[in-house]
Amino acid sequence: MVENELDKQARDALRAVQRMAVVLGARQVPEPDVLVVTAEAFERDEPSTYYVPEDVVLVVEAVSPESVDRDRDTKPRKYAAAGIRHFWRLENEGGETAAYVYELGSATGVYALTGIYRGVLKVTVPFDIEIDLATVGRRARY
């Protein structure tokens, strides 16, 4: 599962979690499939059912037939407007997992596609990550 791989590979200052709310604004509280958050936010003294954009390093959405519009359009726009720097979209393409990797442009305030990965996803930001997408895809629910 993507969450487990991200959590194993994250630096000590980061943690991966799944399906936790992110408060982006009034009546804007999406629950991404996977989040990478700061360890400080993860370990807060009071139990929390949500994070704020400043806590979030990476958002991952797995596109399913019923979430296509939200995951490809609505959520990325809202995450970008909130200043979340890294966004990934996972899709099933002909039985294979494809990972679309985006980074927030500091000058534009919108996500720019930095790569499309099949087979193995290997990036150096937001930290060094290498994920076998074939293994992840067999366990995905999209």
C-alpha atoms as a PDB file:
ATOM      1  CA  MET A   1       0.000   0.000   0.000  1.00  0.00           C
ATOM      2  CA  VAL A   2       1.236   3.517  -0.801  1.00  0.00           C
ATOM      3  CA  GLU A   3       0.825   4.714   2.778  1.00  0.00           C
ATOM      4  CA  ASN A   4       3.090   1.966   4.129  1.00  0.00           C
ATOM      5  CA  GLU A   5       5.774   2.598   1.507  1.00  0.00           C
ATOM      6  CA  LEU A   6       5.739   6.344   2.096  1.00  0.00           C
ATOM      7  CA  ASP A   7       5.887   5.894   5.857  1.00  0.00           C
ATOM      8  CA  LYS A   8       8.853   3.496   5.576  1.00  0.00           C
ATOM      9  CA  GLN A   9      10.764   5.820   3.266  1.00  0.00           C
ATOM     10  CA  ALA A  10       9.929   9.162   4.900  1.00  0.00           C
ATOM     11  CA  ARG A  11      12.528  11.006   6.909  1.00  0.00           C
ATOM     12  CA  ASP A  12      12.122  10.996  10.692  1.00  0.00           C
ATOM     13  CA  ALA A  13      10.387  14.368  10.560  1.00  0.00           C
ATOM     14  CA  LEU A  14       7.535  12.995   8.397  1.00  0.00           C
ATOM     15  CA  ARG A  15       4.739  10.425   8.727  1.00  0.00           C
ATOM     16  CA  ALA A  16       2.288   8.942   6.218  1.00  0.00           C
ATOM     17  CA  VAL A  17      -1.368   8.497   7.155  1.00  0.00           C
ATOM     18  CA  GLN A  18      -4.501   7.605   5.256  1.00  0.00           C
ATOM     19  CA  ARG A  19      -7.955   9.141   5.056  1.00  0.00           C
ATOM     20  CA  MET A  20      -7.516  12.015   7.471  1.00  0.00           C
ATOM     21  CA  ALA A  21      -9.331  15.291   6.854  1.00  0.00           C
ATOM     22  CA  VAL A  22      -7.482  18.417   5.785  1.00  0.00           C
ATOM     23  CA  VAL A  23      -9.194  21.683   6.679  1.00  0.00           C
ATOM     24  CA  LEU A  24      -8.652  23.906   3.642  1.00  0.00           C
ATOM     25  CA  GLY A  25     -11.290  26.498   4.490  1.00  0.00           C
ATOM     26  CA  ALA A  26     -14.923  26.963   5.421  1.00  0.00           C
ATOM     27  CA  ARG A  27     -16.861  23.904   4.207  1.00  0.00           C
ATOM     28  CA  GLN A  28     -13.720  22.600   2.478  1.00  0.00           C
ATOM     29  CA  VAL A  29     -12.523  19.513   4.347  1.00  0.00           C
ATOM     30  CA  PRO A  30     -11.457  16.789   1.903  1.00  0.00           C
ATOM     31  CA  GLU A  31     -10.119  13.425   3.065  1.00  0.00           C
ATOM     32  CA  PRO A  32      -7.247  12.467   0.754  1.00  0.00           C
ATOM     33  CA  ASP A  33      -6.494   8.778   0.306  1.00  0.00           C
ATOM     34  CA  VAL A  34      -2.969   9.267   1.704  1.00  0.00           C
ATOM     35  CA  LEU A  35      -1.165  12.191   3.312  1.00  0.00           C
ATOM     36  CA  VAL A  36       2.417  12.762   4.335  1.00  0.00           C
ATOM     37  CA  VAL A  37       2.447  15.148   7.278  1.00  0.00           C
ATOM     38  CA  THR A  38       5.057  16.514   9.625  1.00  0.00           C
ATOM     39  CA  ALA A  39       5.898  14.295  12.589  1.00  0.00           C
ATOM     40  CA  GLU A  40       5.130  17.263  14.828  1.00  0.00           C
ATOM     41  CA  ALA A  41       1.545  17.411  13.521  1.00  0.00           C
ATOM     42  CA  PHE A  42       1.208  13.620  13.748  1.00  0.00           C
ATOM     43  CA  GLU A  43       2.346  13.568  17.371  1.00  0.00           C
ATOM     44  CA  ARG A  44       0.319  16.482  18.752  1.00  0.00           C
ATOM     45  CA  ASP A  45      -0.734  16.057  22.377  1.00  0.00           C
ATOM     46  CA  GLU A  46      -4.439  16.349  21.714  1.00  0.00           C
ATOM     47  CA  PRO A  47      -5.917  13.728  19.397  1.00  0.00           C
ATOM     48  CA  SER A  48      -6.857  15.275  16.098  1.00  0.00           C
ATOM     49  CA  THR A  49      -9.203  14.142  13.386  1.00  0.00           C
ATOM     50  CA  TYR A  50      -7.820  16.633  10.880  1.00  0.00           C
ATOM     51  CA  TYR A  51      -4.725  18.438   9.659  1.00  0.00           C
ATOM     52  CA  VAL A  52      -4.231  21.942   8.287  1.00  0.00           C
ATOM     53  CA  PRO A  53      -2.361  22.685   5.028  1.00  0.00           C
ATOM     54  CA  GLU A  54       0.784  23.747   6.897  1.00  0.00           C
ATOM     55  CA  ASP A  55       1.017  20.190   8.298  1.00  0.00           C
ATOM     56  CA  VAL A  56       0.844  18.525   4.875  1.00  0.00           C
ATOM     57  CA  VAL A  57       3.893  17.744   2.721  1.00  0.00           C
ATOM     58  CA  LEU A  58       2.225  15.464   0.131  1.00  0.00           C
ATOM     59  CA  VAL A  59      -1.321  14.530  -0.832  1.00  0.00           C
ATOM     60  CA  VAL A  60      -2.083  11.324  -2.774  1.00  0.00           C
ATOM     61  CA  GLU A  61      -5.434  10.623  -4.421  1.00  0.00           C
ATOM     62  CA  ALA A  62      -6.306   7.242  -5.961  1.00  0.00           C
ATOM     63  CA  VAL A  63      -8.813   7.849  -8.743  1.00  0.00           C
ATOM     64  CA  SER A  64     -11.833   5.563  -8.848  1.00  0.00           C
ATOM     65  CA  PRO A  65     -14.696   5.680 -11.380  1.00  0.00           C
ATOM     66  CA  GLU A  66     -16.840   7.670  -8.955  1.00  0.00           C
ATOM     67  CA  SER A  67     -14.092  10.160  -8.024  1.00  0.00           C
ATOM     68  CA  VAL A  68     -12.653  11.102 -11.428  1.00  0.00           C
ATOM     69  CA  ASP A  69     -13.840  14.741 -11.509  1.00  0.00           C
ATOM     70  CA  ARG A  70     -13.011  15.379  -7.846  1.00  0.00           C
ATOM     71  CA  ASP A  71      -9.539  13.797  -7.986  1.00  0.00           C
ATOM     72  CA  ARG A  72      -8.486  15.229 -11.357  1.00  0.00           C
ATOM     73  CA  ASP A  73      -9.954  18.723 -11.045  1.00  0.00           C
ATOM     74  CA  THR A  74     -11.657  19.868  -7.845  1.00  0.00           C
ATOM     75  CA  LYS A  75      -9.291  18.569  -5.180  1.00  0.00           C
ATOM     76  CA  PRO A  76      -6.028  19.533  -6.929  1.00  0.00           C
ATOM     77  CA  ARG A  77      -7.262  23.110  -7.400  1.00  0.00           C
ATOM     78  CA  LYS A  78      -8.197  23.338  -3.730  1.00  0.00           C
ATOM     79  CA  TYR A  79      -4.950  21.745  -2.508  1.00  0.00           C
ATOM     80  CA  ALA A  80      -2.942  24.154  -4.679  1.00  0.00           C
ATOM     81  CA  ALA A  81      -4.907  27.175  -3.439  1.00  0.00           C
ATOM     82  CA  ALA A  82      -4.165  26.042   0.131  1.00  0.00           C
ATOM     83  CA  GLY A  83      -0.428  25.904  -0.660  1.00  0.00           C
ATOM     84  CA  ILE A  84       0.127  22.134  -0.387  1.00  0.00           C
ATOM     85  CA  ARG A  85       3.351  21.755  -2.357  1.00  0.00           C
ATOM     86  CA  HIS A  86       3.183  18.140  -3.604  1.00  0.00           C
ATOM     87  CA  PHE A  87       0.255  16.233  -5.122  1.00  0.00           C
ATOM     88  CA  TRP A  88       0.128  12.749  -6.656  1.00  0.00           C
ATOM     89  CA  ARG A  89      -2.742  11.169  -8.560  1.00  0.00           C
ATOM     90  CA  LEU A  90      -2.809   7.372  -8.953  1.00  0.00           C
ATOM     91  CA  GLU A  91      -4.888   5.899 -11.768  1.00  0.00           C
ATOM     92  CA  ASN A  92      -5.623   2.451 -13.128  1.00  0.00           C
ATOM     93  CA  GLU A  93      -4.702   2.524 -16.809  1.00  0.00           C
ATOM     94  CA  GLY A  94      -5.356  -0.759 -18.559  1.00  0.00           C
ATOM     95  CA  GLY A  95      -4.752  -2.746 -15.399  1.00  0.00           C
ATOM     96  CA  GLU A  96      -1.521  -0.913 -14.510  1.00  0.00           C
ATOM     97  CA  THR A  97      -1.037   1.821 -11.939  1.00  0.00           C
ATOM     98  CA  ALA A  98       0.096   5.159 -13.332  1.00  0.00           C
ATOM     99  CA  ALA A  99       1.304   7.861 -10.949  1.00  0.00           C
ATOM    100  CA  TYR A 100       0.927  11.482 -12.017  1.00  0.00           C
ATOM    101  CA  VAL A 101       3.289  13.598  -9.916  1.00  0.00           C
ATOM    102  CA  TYR A 102       2.761  17.346  -9.483  1.00  0.00           C
ATOM    103  CA  GLU A 103       4.581  20.159  -7.725  1.00  0.00           C
ATOM    104  CA  LEU A 104       3.143  23.555  -6.839  1.00  0.00           C
ATOM    105  CA  GLY A 105       4.639  26.345  -8.920  1.00  0.00           C
ATOM    106  CA  SER A 106       5.707  29.154  -6.600  1.00  0.00           C
ATOM    107  CA  ALA A 107       5.199  31.791  -9.302  1.00  0.00           C
ATOM    108  CA  THR A 108       1.887  30.448 -10.626  1.00  0.00           C
ATOM    109  CA  GLY A 109       0.193  28.936  -7.554  1.00  0.00           C
ATOM    110  CA  VAL A 110      -0.964  25.952  -9.623  1.00  0.00           C
ATOM    111  CA  TYR A 111       0.342  22.419  -9.930  1.00  0.00           C
ATOM    112  CA  ALA A 112       2.795  21.573 -12.695  1.00  0.00           C
ATOM    113  CA  LEU A 113       3.116  17.982 -13.848  1.00  0.00           C
ATOM    114  CA  THR A 114       6.680  16.848 -13.101  1.00  0.00           C
ATOM    115  CA  GLY A 115       6.293  13.258 -14.321  1.00  0.00           C
ATOM    116  CA  ILE A 116       4.097  10.302 -15.182  1.00  0.00           C
ATOM    117  CA  TYR A 117       5.365   7.013 -13.777  1.00  0.00           C
ATOM    118  CA  ARG A 118       4.543   3.409 -14.610  1.00  0.00           C
ATOM    119  CA  GLY A 119       6.317   0.379 -13.191  1.00  0.00           C
ATOM    120  CA  VAL A 120       8.438   2.244 -10.645  1.00  0.00           C
ATOM    121  CA  LEU A 121       7.847   5.680  -9.202  1.00  0.00           C
ATOM    122  CA  LYS A 122      11.189   7.224  -8.258  1.00  0.00           C
ATOM    123  CA  VAL A 123      11.445  10.852  -7.127  1.00  0.00           C
ATOM    124  CA  THR A 124      13.677  12.979  -4.916  1.00  0.00           C
ATOM    125  CA  VAL A 125      11.049  15.455  -3.684  1.00  0.00           C
ATOM    126  CA  PRO A 126       9.504  15.888  -1.218  1.00  0.00           C
ATOM    127  CA  PHE A 127      12.054  13.234  -0.138  1.00  0.00           C
ATOM    128  CA  ASP A 128      13.758  10.264  -1.780  1.00  0.00           C
ATOM    129  CA  ILE A 129      10.990   7.829  -2.718  1.00  0.00           C
ATOM    130  CA  GLU A 130      10.969   4.625  -4.763  1.00  0.00           C
ATOM    131  CA  ILE A 131       7.726   2.654  -5.054  1.00  0.00           C
ATOM    132  CA  ASP A 132       6.971  -0.437  -7.130  1.00  0.00           C
ATOM    133  CA  LEU A 133       3.661   0.612  -8.682  1.00  0.00           C
ATOM    134  CA  ALA A 134       2.838  -2.929  -9.802  1.00  0.00           C
ATOM    135  CA  THR A 135       2.855  -4.098  -6.193  1.00  0.00           C
ATOM    136  CA  VAL A 136       0.870  -1.084  -5.017  1.00  0.00           C
ATOM    137  CA  GLY A 137      -1.616  -1.493  -7.881  1.00  0.00           C
ATOM    138  CA  ARG A 138      -2.453  -5.064  -6.892  1.00  0.00           C
ATOM    139  CA  ARG A 139      -3.610  -3.786  -3.503  1.00  0.00           C
ATOM    140  CA  ALA A 140      -5.262  -0.570  -4.671  1.00  0.00           C
ATOM    141  CA  ARG A 141      -9.012  -0.079  -4.508  1.00  0.00           C
ATOM    142  CA  TYR A 142      -9.586   2.043  -7.589  1.00  0.00           C
END
